[in-house]
Amino acid sequence: MIRRYYVPGLLVLWAMVIFFFSSQTYEEQSISPLLTQFNTPYWYDRLSGISFMYGGVEVSAQTAGVNGFLEFFLRKGAHLFIFFVFGLLTYGVWRRFVKNPVLSFPGAFLCVLFYASADELHQKLTGGRTPLWQDVMLDTFGGLLGIFFFLFFYRWRSPRI
């Protein structure tokens, strides 16, 4: 009986982890000081040709420094990973309780989209954080990857007939 609630319990715990990280200010989460060792002419030259817009702001080594530029990718990678796990767990809950794969996929996807949107809204209420629709898309994409990973793993583990 307790095994039935293992995955839902993990999902609630993971949602709480996301909420905790969203409650922190940018300064509390910043790893930029740890990356100052990369603020050298060598890395600056290697990264100087890379520039793009994200959330209406230019992201480059020139505008953010090498450590800020690297931190940007680490933070966005964290978004992907955190919501990858969230999507995986969300689909696991839907598969366990709904048991209809036709409903489980869109249900899990909508839950990921809703939580990603709620997460950005929560960040709007947190000092020093900027909510971005691009982060909602990134989080939703990470969740979608988690759902697809679950589907692939489930299909791979299922016995072939």
N, C-alpha and C. Protein backbone atom coordinates (compact mmCIF):
# COMPACT_ATOMS: atom_id res chain seq x y z
N MET A 1 0.82 -1.19 0.00
CA MET A 1 0.00 0.00 0.00
C MET A 1 0.87 1.26 0.00
N ILE A 2 1.93 1.25 0.79
CA ILE A 2 2.78 2.44 0.89
C ILE A 2 3.52 2.69 -0.42
N ARG A 3 3.83 1.62 -1.18
CA ARG A 3 4.51 1.80 -2.47
C ARG A 3 3.67 2.61 -3.44
N ARG A 4 2.37 2.55 -3.29
CA ARG A 4 1.46 3.26 -4.18
C ARG A 4 1.69 4.77 -4.10
N TYR A 5 2.11 5.25 -2.94
CA TYR A 5 2.28 6.68 -2.73
C TYR A 5 3.73 7.13 -2.74
N TYR A 6 4.63 6.25 -3.14
CA TYR A 6 6.05 6.58 -3.20
C TYR A 6 6.32 7.67 -4.24
N VAL A 7 5.86 7.47 -5.47
CA VAL A 7 6.10 8.45 -6.54
C VAL A 7 5.34 9.76 -6.27
N PRO A 8 4.07 9.72 -5.85
CA PRO A 8 3.42 11.00 -5.52
C PRO A 8 4.14 11.74 -4.38
N GLY A 9 4.66 11.01 -3.40
CA GLY A 9 5.41 11.65 -2.33
C GLY A 9 6.68 12.30 -2.85
N LEU A 10 7.37 11.62 -3.77
CA LEU A 10 8.57 12.21 -4.38
C LEU A 10 8.22 13.45 -5.19
N LEU A 11 7.08 13.42 -5.89
CA LEU A 11 6.64 14.57 -6.68
C LEU A 11 6.38 15.77 -5.77
N VAL A 12 5.69 15.55 -4.66
CA VAL A 12 5.41 16.65 -3.74
C VAL A 12 6.72 17.18 -3.16
N LEU A 13 7.63 16.30 -2.81
CA LEU A 13 8.93 16.71 -2.27
C LEU A 13 9.71 17.52 -3.31
N TRP A 14 9.68 17.07 -4.56
CA TRP A 14 10.39 17.78 -5.64
C TRP A 14 9.77 19.15 -5.90
N ALA A 15 8.44 19.22 -5.85
CA ALA A 15 7.76 20.52 -6.02
C ALA A 15 8.16 21.47 -4.89
N MET A 16 8.35 20.94 -3.70
CA MET A 16 8.79 21.76 -2.58
C MET A 16 10.22 22.25 -2.78
N VAL A 17 11.07 21.42 -3.37
CA VAL A 17 12.44 21.83 -3.68
C VAL A 17 12.42 22.98 -4.68
N ILE A 18 11.60 22.86 -5.72
CA ILE A 18 11.48 23.93 -6.71
C ILE A 18 11.00 25.21 -6.04
N PHE A 19 9.99 25.09 -5.19
CA PHE A 19 9.46 26.25 -4.49
C PHE A 19 10.53 26.90 -3.62
N PHE A 20 11.33 26.08 -2.94
CA PHE A 20 12.40 26.60 -2.09
C PHE A 20 13.41 27.40 -2.91
N PHE A 21 13.85 26.84 -4.05
CA PHE A 21 14.81 27.55 -4.88
C PHE A 21 14.22 28.84 -5.45
N SER A 22 12.95 28.82 -5.78
CA SER A 22 12.30 30.03 -6.30
C SER A 22 12.13 31.10 -5.23
N SER A 23 12.17 30.70 -3.98
CA SER A 23 12.03 31.64 -2.87
C SER A 23 13.32 32.40 -2.59
N GLN A 24 14.42 31.92 -3.14
CA GLN A 24 15.70 32.57 -2.90
C GLN A 24 15.92 33.71 -3.88
N THR A 25 16.59 34.74 -3.41
CA THR A 25 16.92 35.85 -4.31
C THR A 25 18.06 35.41 -5.23
N TYR A 26 18.27 36.20 -6.26
CA TYR A 26 19.35 35.92 -7.20
C TYR A 26 20.70 35.88 -6.47
N GLU A 27 20.90 36.80 -5.56
CA GLU A 27 22.17 36.87 -4.83
C GLU A 27 22.39 35.62 -3.98
N GLU A 28 21.32 35.08 -3.39
CA GLU A 28 21.45 33.87 -2.57
C GLU A 28 21.82 32.66 -3.42
N GLN A 29 21.42 32.66 -4.68
CA GLN A 29 21.68 31.53 -5.56
C GLN A 29 22.92 31.71 -6.42
N SER A 30 23.47 32.89 -6.45
CA SER A 30 24.55 33.19 -7.38
C SER A 30 25.77 32.30 -7.14
N ILE A 31 26.27 31.73 -8.22
CA ILE A 31 27.52 30.95 -8.15
C ILE A 31 28.62 31.68 -8.90
N SER A 32 28.33 32.90 -9.29
CA SER A 32 29.30 33.71 -10.03
C SER A 32 30.64 33.84 -9.32
N PRO A 33 30.66 34.05 -7.98
CA PRO A 33 31.96 34.14 -7.31
C PRO A 33 32.81 32.87 -7.46
N LEU A 34 32.15 31.70 -7.56
CA LEU A 34 32.90 30.46 -7.74
C LEU A 34 33.50 30.35 -9.14
N LEU A 35 32.93 31.10 -10.07
CA LEU A 35 33.37 31.02 -11.46
C LEU A 35 34.37 32.11 -11.83
N THR A 36 34.80 32.92 -10.87
CA THR A 36 35.73 34.01 -11.18
C THR A 36 37.07 33.50 -11.70
N GLN A 37 37.39 32.25 -11.39
CA GLN A 37 38.64 31.67 -11.89
C GLN A 37 38.66 31.58 -13.42
N PHE A 38 37.48 31.63 -14.03
CA PHE A 38 37.40 31.59 -15.49
C PHE A 38 37.46 32.98 -16.12
N ASN A 39 37.48 34.01 -15.30
CA ASN A 39 37.55 35.39 -15.79
C ASN A 39 38.98 35.72 -16.19
N THR A 40 39.45 35.02 -17.20
CA THR A 40 40.82 35.23 -17.69
C THR A 40 40.76 35.60 -19.17
N PRO A 41 41.82 36.21 -19.68
CA PRO A 41 41.84 36.54 -21.11
C PRO A 41 41.64 35.31 -22.00
N TYR A 42 42.16 34.16 -21.57
CA TYR A 42 41.99 32.93 -22.36
C TYR A 42 40.51 32.63 -22.59
N TRP A 43 39.71 32.57 -21.52
CA TRP A 43 38.29 32.25 -21.65
C TRP A 43 37.51 33.39 -22.31
N TYR A 44 37.92 34.60 -22.03
CA TYR A 44 37.25 35.74 -22.65
C TYR A 44 37.40 35.69 -24.17
N ASP A 45 38.60 35.37 -24.65
CA ASP A 45 38.83 35.26 -26.10
C ASP A 45 38.02 34.11 -26.69
N ARG A 46 37.95 33.00 -25.99
CA ARG A 46 37.22 31.82 -26.51
C ARG A 46 35.71 32.08 -26.60
N LEU A 47 35.20 32.87 -25.67
CA LEU A 47 33.75 33.08 -25.60
C LEU A 47 33.29 34.41 -26.20
N SER A 48 34.23 35.22 -26.65
CA SER A 48 33.88 36.57 -27.08
C SER A 48 33.00 36.61 -28.34
N GLY A 49 33.01 35.58 -29.15
CA GLY A 49 32.19 35.58 -30.36
C GLY A 49 30.77 35.10 -30.14
N ILE A 50 30.43 34.69 -28.94
CA ILE A 50 29.10 34.15 -28.65
C ILE A 50 28.25 35.24 -28.00
N SER A 51 27.12 35.54 -28.62
CA SER A 51 26.22 36.55 -28.11
C SER A 51 24.81 36.25 -28.60
N PHE A 52 23.83 36.38 -27.72
CA PHE A 52 22.43 36.18 -28.11
C PHE A 52 21.54 36.92 -27.13
N MET A 53 20.28 37.01 -27.49
CA MET A 53 19.29 37.69 -26.65
C MET A 53 18.48 36.64 -25.88
N TYR A 54 18.24 36.91 -24.61
CA TYR A 54 17.39 36.06 -23.79
C TYR A 54 16.63 36.97 -22.83
N GLY A 55 15.35 36.95 -22.92
CA GLY A 55 14.53 37.80 -22.05
C GLY A 55 14.73 39.28 -22.31
N GLY A 56 15.06 39.64 -23.56
CA GLY A 56 15.25 41.03 -23.91
C GLY A 56 16.59 41.61 -23.50
N VAL A 57 17.51 40.75 -23.06
CA VAL A 57 18.83 41.19 -22.60
C VAL A 57 19.89 40.41 -23.38
N GLU A 58 20.94 41.12 -23.77
CA GLU A 58 22.04 40.44 -24.47
C GLU A 58 22.82 39.59 -23.46
N VAL A 59 23.08 38.36 -23.85
CA VAL A 59 23.88 37.45 -23.03
C VAL A 59 25.18 37.21 -23.77
N SER A 60 26.28 37.65 -23.18
CA SER A 60 27.61 37.46 -23.78
C SER A 60 28.66 37.63 -22.70
N ALA A 61 29.87 37.22 -23.02
CA ALA A 61 30.98 37.42 -22.09
C ALA A 61 31.29 38.90 -21.94
N GLN A 62 31.02 39.70 -22.97
CA GLN A 62 31.27 41.14 -22.90
C GLN A 62 30.32 41.82 -21.93
N THR A 63 29.06 41.42 -21.93
CA THR A 63 28.07 42.10 -21.08
C THR A 63 28.04 41.56 -19.65
N ALA A 64 28.29 40.27 -19.48
CA ALA A 64 28.16 39.66 -18.14
C ALA A 64 29.49 39.24 -17.55
N GLY A 65 30.55 39.34 -18.30
CA GLY A 65 31.81 38.78 -17.84
C GLY A 65 31.78 37.28 -18.07
N VAL A 66 32.93 36.67 -18.09
CA VAL A 66 32.99 35.23 -18.35
C VAL A 66 32.25 34.47 -17.26
N ASN A 67 32.43 34.85 -15.99
CA ASN A 67 31.76 34.13 -14.92
C ASN A 67 30.24 34.29 -15.00
N GLY A 68 29.73 35.45 -15.33
CA GLY A 68 28.30 35.64 -15.49
C GLY A 68 27.74 34.89 -16.69
N PHE A 69 28.53 34.84 -17.76
CA PHE A 69 28.14 34.11 -18.97
C PHE A 69 28.03 32.62 -18.68
N LEU A 70 29.01 32.07 -17.99
CA LEU A 70 28.98 30.65 -17.63
C LEU A 70 27.86 30.36 -16.64
N GLU A 71 27.66 31.28 -15.70
CA GLU A 71 26.59 31.10 -14.73
C GLU A 71 25.23 31.04 -15.42
N PHE A 72 25.04 31.85 -16.46
CA PHE A 72 23.79 31.83 -17.21
C PHE A 72 23.49 30.40 -17.71
N PHE A 73 24.48 29.75 -18.31
CA PHE A 73 24.27 28.40 -18.84
C PHE A 73 24.06 27.38 -17.74
N LEU A 74 24.76 27.53 -16.63
CA LEU A 74 24.56 26.61 -15.51
C LEU A 74 23.16 26.78 -14.92
N ARG A 75 22.69 28.01 -14.80
CA ARG A 75 21.35 28.26 -14.25
C ARG A 75 20.27 27.72 -15.18
N LYS A 76 20.43 27.93 -16.48
CA LYS A 76 19.43 27.43 -17.43
C LYS A 76 19.48 25.91 -17.51
N GLY A 77 20.68 25.34 -17.37
CA GLY A 77 20.79 23.88 -17.30
C GLY A 77 20.10 23.33 -16.07
N ALA A 78 20.18 24.07 -14.96
CA ALA A 78 19.47 23.67 -13.74
C ALA A 78 17.96 23.71 -13.96
N HIS A 79 17.47 24.73 -14.67
CA HIS A 79 16.04 24.78 -15.01
C HIS A 79 15.64 23.51 -15.75
N LEU A 80 16.41 23.15 -16.77
CA LEU A 80 16.09 21.95 -17.55
C LEU A 80 16.08 20.70 -16.67
N PHE A 81 17.12 20.53 -15.87
CA PHE A 81 17.23 19.33 -15.04
C PHE A 81 16.10 19.25 -14.01
N ILE A 82 15.86 20.35 -13.31
CA ILE A 82 14.85 20.34 -12.25
C ILE A 82 13.48 20.01 -12.82
N PHE A 83 13.15 20.58 -13.97
CA PHE A 83 11.84 20.29 -14.54
C PHE A 83 11.82 18.98 -15.33
N PHE A 84 12.97 18.46 -15.73
CA PHE A 84 13.06 17.11 -16.29
C PHE A 84 12.58 16.11 -15.23
N VAL A 85 13.12 16.24 -14.03
CA VAL A 85 12.72 15.35 -12.93
C VAL A 85 11.25 15.57 -12.58
N PHE A 86 10.81 16.82 -12.57
CA PHE A 86 9.42 17.12 -12.26
C PHE A 86 8.49 16.46 -13.30
N GLY A 87 8.83 16.57 -14.58
CA GLY A 87 8.02 15.94 -15.63
C GLY A 87 8.00 14.43 -15.51
N LEU A 88 9.14 13.84 -15.22
CA LEU A 88 9.25 12.40 -15.04
C LEU A 88 8.34 11.93 -13.91
N LEU A 89 8.42 12.61 -12.77
CA LEU A 89 7.59 12.23 -11.63
C LEU A 89 6.11 12.50 -11.88
N THR A 90 5.81 13.61 -12.54
CA THR A 90 4.41 13.95 -12.83
C THR A 90 3.78 12.88 -13.73
N TYR A 91 4.50 12.47 -14.77
CA TYR A 91 3.96 11.44 -15.64
C TYR A 91 3.82 10.11 -14.89
N GLY A 92 4.77 9.83 -14.00
CA GLY A 92 4.67 8.62 -13.19
C GLY A 92 3.41 8.59 -12.34
N VAL A 93 3.05 9.73 -11.78
CA VAL A 93 1.83 9.81 -10.98
C VAL A 93 0.60 9.63 -11.86
N TRP A 94 0.59 10.29 -13.00
CA TRP A 94 -0.56 10.15 -13.90
C TRP A 94 -0.71 8.70 -14.37
N ARG A 95 0.38 8.04 -14.71
CA ARG A 95 0.30 6.65 -15.16
C ARG A 95 -0.20 5.73 -14.06
N ARG A 96 0.21 6.02 -12.83
CA ARG A 96 -0.19 5.15 -11.72
C ARG A 96 -1.67 5.30 -11.38
N PHE A 97 -2.18 6.53 -11.40
CA PHE A 97 -3.53 6.76 -10.92
C PHE A 97 -4.58 6.87 -12.02
N VAL A 98 -4.22 7.34 -13.19
CA VAL A 98 -5.20 7.47 -14.27
C VAL A 98 -5.21 6.21 -15.11
N LYS A 99 -4.05 5.62 -15.31
CA LYS A 99 -3.87 4.35 -16.04
C LYS A 99 -4.34 4.41 -17.49
N ASN A 100 -4.52 5.59 -18.02
CA ASN A 100 -4.89 5.74 -19.42
C ASN A 100 -3.81 6.57 -20.10
N PRO A 101 -2.98 5.92 -20.95
CA PRO A 101 -1.87 6.66 -21.56
C PRO A 101 -2.33 7.82 -22.44
N VAL A 102 -3.53 7.73 -22.98
CA VAL A 102 -4.05 8.82 -23.82
C VAL A 102 -4.31 10.07 -22.97
N LEU A 103 -4.75 9.88 -21.73
CA LEU A 103 -4.98 11.01 -20.84
C LEU A 103 -3.74 11.39 -20.03
N SER A 104 -2.87 10.42 -19.79
CA SER A 104 -1.70 10.66 -18.93
C SER A 104 -0.74 11.66 -19.54
N PHE A 105 -0.49 11.55 -20.84
CA PHE A 105 0.48 12.45 -21.46
C PHE A 105 0.01 13.92 -21.41
N PRO A 106 -1.19 14.24 -21.93
CA PRO A 106 -1.60 15.65 -21.86
C PRO A 106 -1.81 16.13 -20.42
N GLY A 107 -2.27 15.25 -19.53
CA GLY A 107 -2.47 15.64 -18.14
C GLY A 107 -1.15 16.01 -17.48
N ALA A 108 -0.13 15.17 -17.68
CA ALA A 108 1.19 15.44 -17.11
C ALA A 108 1.79 16.70 -17.72
N PHE A 109 1.64 16.84 -19.04
CA PHE A 109 2.18 18.01 -19.73
C PHE A 109 1.55 19.30 -19.21
N LEU A 110 0.23 19.30 -19.02
CA LEU A 110 -0.46 20.49 -18.51
C LEU A 110 -0.05 20.80 -17.07
N CYS A 111 0.18 19.75 -16.28
CA CYS A 111 0.66 19.97 -14.90
C CYS A 111 2.04 20.62 -14.91
N VAL A 112 2.92 20.16 -15.79
CA VAL A 112 4.26 20.75 -15.89
C VAL A 112 4.16 22.20 -16.34
N LEU A 113 3.35 22.47 -17.35
CA LEU A 113 3.16 23.84 -17.83
C LEU A 113 2.60 24.73 -16.74
N PHE A 114 1.61 24.23 -16.01
CA PHE A 114 1.01 25.00 -14.92
C PHE A 114 2.04 25.30 -13.83
N TYR A 115 2.81 24.28 -13.42
CA TYR A 115 3.77 24.49 -12.34
C TYR A 115 4.92 25.40 -12.78
N ALA A 116 5.34 25.28 -14.04
CA ALA A 116 6.38 26.19 -14.56
C ALA A 116 5.87 27.63 -14.54
N SER A 117 4.62 27.84 -14.94
CA SER A 117 4.04 29.18 -14.92
C SER A 117 3.89 29.70 -13.49
N ALA A 118 3.43 28.83 -12.59
CA ALA A 118 3.28 29.22 -11.18
C ALA A 118 4.64 29.53 -10.56
N ASP A 119 5.66 28.81 -10.98
CA ASP A 119 7.02 29.04 -10.48
C ASP A 119 7.51 30.43 -10.88
N GLU A 120 7.27 30.82 -12.11
CA GLU A 120 7.68 32.16 -12.54
C GLU A 120 6.86 33.24 -11.85
N LEU A 121 5.58 32.99 -11.62
CA LEU A 121 4.76 33.93 -10.86
C LEU A 121 5.30 34.07 -9.44
N HIS A 122 5.68 32.96 -8.84
CA HIS A 122 6.27 32.99 -7.51
C HIS A 122 7.56 33.81 -7.51
N GLN A 123 8.36 33.67 -8.57
CA GLN A 123 9.59 34.44 -8.66
C GLN A 123 9.31 35.94 -8.77
N LYS A 124 8.18 36.28 -9.39
CA LYS A 124 7.81 37.70 -9.49
C LYS A 124 7.58 38.29 -8.10
N LEU A 125 7.11 37.47 -7.17
CA LEU A 125 6.83 37.92 -5.81
C LEU A 125 8.07 37.86 -4.92
N THR A 126 9.15 37.29 -5.44
CA THR A 126 10.40 37.18 -4.69
C THR A 126 11.31 38.32 -5.08
N GLY A 127 11.88 38.98 -4.11
CA GLY A 127 12.77 40.10 -4.39
C GLY A 127 14.00 39.69 -5.18
N GLY A 128 14.40 40.53 -6.10
CA GLY A 128 15.62 40.29 -6.85
C GLY A 128 15.50 39.20 -7.91
N ARG A 129 14.30 38.79 -8.25
CA ARG A 129 14.10 37.77 -9.28
C ARG A 129 13.28 38.36 -10.42
N THR A 130 13.53 37.89 -11.61
CA THR A 130 12.82 38.37 -12.78
C THR A 130 12.07 37.20 -13.43
N PRO A 131 10.75 37.25 -13.45
CA PRO A 131 10.00 36.19 -14.13
C PRO A 131 10.09 36.38 -15.65
N LEU A 132 10.35 35.31 -16.35
CA LEU A 132 10.48 35.37 -17.81
C LEU A 132 9.63 34.28 -18.44
N TRP A 133 8.92 34.62 -19.50
CA TRP A 133 8.16 33.60 -20.21
C TRP A 133 9.11 32.62 -20.87
N GLN A 134 10.33 33.05 -21.18
CA GLN A 134 11.32 32.15 -21.76
C GLN A 134 11.68 31.05 -20.77
N ASP A 135 11.70 31.37 -19.49
CA ASP A 135 11.97 30.35 -18.48
C ASP A 135 10.80 29.37 -18.36
N VAL A 136 9.58 29.87 -18.53
CA VAL A 136 8.42 28.96 -18.53
C VAL A 136 8.58 27.96 -19.68
N MET A 137 8.97 28.45 -20.84
CA MET A 137 9.17 27.56 -22.00
C MET A 137 10.31 26.58 -21.74
N LEU A 138 11.40 27.06 -21.17
CA LEU A 138 12.54 26.19 -20.87
C LEU A 138 12.16 25.13 -19.84
N ASP A 139 11.45 25.53 -18.80
CA ASP A 139 11.00 24.58 -17.78
C ASP A 139 10.04 23.55 -18.37
N THR A 140 9.11 24.02 -19.19
CA THR A 140 8.15 23.11 -19.81
C THR A 140 8.85 22.14 -20.74
N PHE A 141 9.84 22.62 -21.48
CA PHE A 141 10.61 21.75 -22.35
C PHE A 141 11.36 20.69 -21.53
N GLY A 142 11.95 21.10 -20.40
CA GLY A 142 12.62 20.14 -19.52
C GLY A 142 11.65 19.10 -19.01
N GLY A 143 10.44 19.53 -18.61
CA GLY A 143 9.42 18.59 -18.16
C GLY A 143 8.99 17.65 -19.26
N LEU A 144 8.87 18.17 -20.47
CA LEU A 144 8.51 17.34 -21.62
C LEU A 144 9.57 16.29 -21.89
N LEU A 145 10.84 16.67 -21.75
CA LEU A 145 11.92 15.70 -21.90
C LEU A 145 11.81 14.60 -20.84
N GLY A 146 11.45 14.99 -19.61
CA GLY A 146 11.26 14.00 -18.55
C GLY A 146 10.12 13.04 -18.86
N ILE A 147 9.04 13.57 -19.40
CA ILE A 147 7.89 12.72 -19.77
C ILE A 147 8.31 11.75 -20.88
N PHE A 148 8.99 12.26 -21.89
CA PHE A 148 9.45 11.39 -22.98
C PHE A 148 10.44 10.34 -22.49
N PHE A 149 11.30 10.73 -21.55
CA PHE A 149 12.23 9.77 -20.98
C PHE A 149 11.48 8.65 -20.28
N PHE A 150 10.44 9.00 -19.51
CA PHE A 150 9.62 8.00 -18.84
C PHE A 150 8.99 7.07 -19.87
N LEU A 151 8.41 7.65 -20.92
CA LEU A 151 7.78 6.83 -21.96
C LEU A 151 8.78 5.89 -22.62
N PHE A 152 9.97 6.40 -22.93
CA PHE A 152 11.00 5.59 -23.55
C PHE A 152 11.44 4.47 -22.61
N PHE A 153 11.69 4.81 -21.34
CA PHE A 153 12.14 3.82 -20.37
C PHE A 153 11.06 2.77 -20.13
N TYR A 154 9.81 3.21 -20.02
CA TYR A 154 8.69 2.30 -19.79
C TYR A 154 8.54 1.33 -20.96
N ARG A 155 8.65 1.85 -22.17
CA ARG A 155 8.53 1.01 -23.36
C ARG A 155 9.71 0.05 -23.46
N TRP A 156 10.89 0.52 -23.10
CA TRP A 156 12.11 -0.30 -23.18
C TRP A 156 12.04 -1.45 -22.16
N ARG A 157 11.48 -1.17 -20.97
CA ARG A 157 11.38 -2.19 -19.92
C ARG A 157 10.25 -3.17 -20.15
N SER A 158 9.22 -2.77 -20.89
CA SER A 158 8.07 -3.63 -21.11
C SER A 158 8.45 -4.84 -21.94
N PRO A 159 7.94 -6.01 -21.57
CA PRO A 159 8.26 -7.22 -22.36
C PRO A 159 7.68 -7.12 -23.77
N ARG A 160 8.44 -7.57 -24.73
CA ARG A 160 8.02 -7.58 -26.13
C ARG A 160 7.16 -8.82 -26.40
N ILE A 161 6.14 -8.62 -27.18
CA ILE A 161 5.25 -9.75 -27.54
C ILE A 161 5.52 -10.15 -28.96
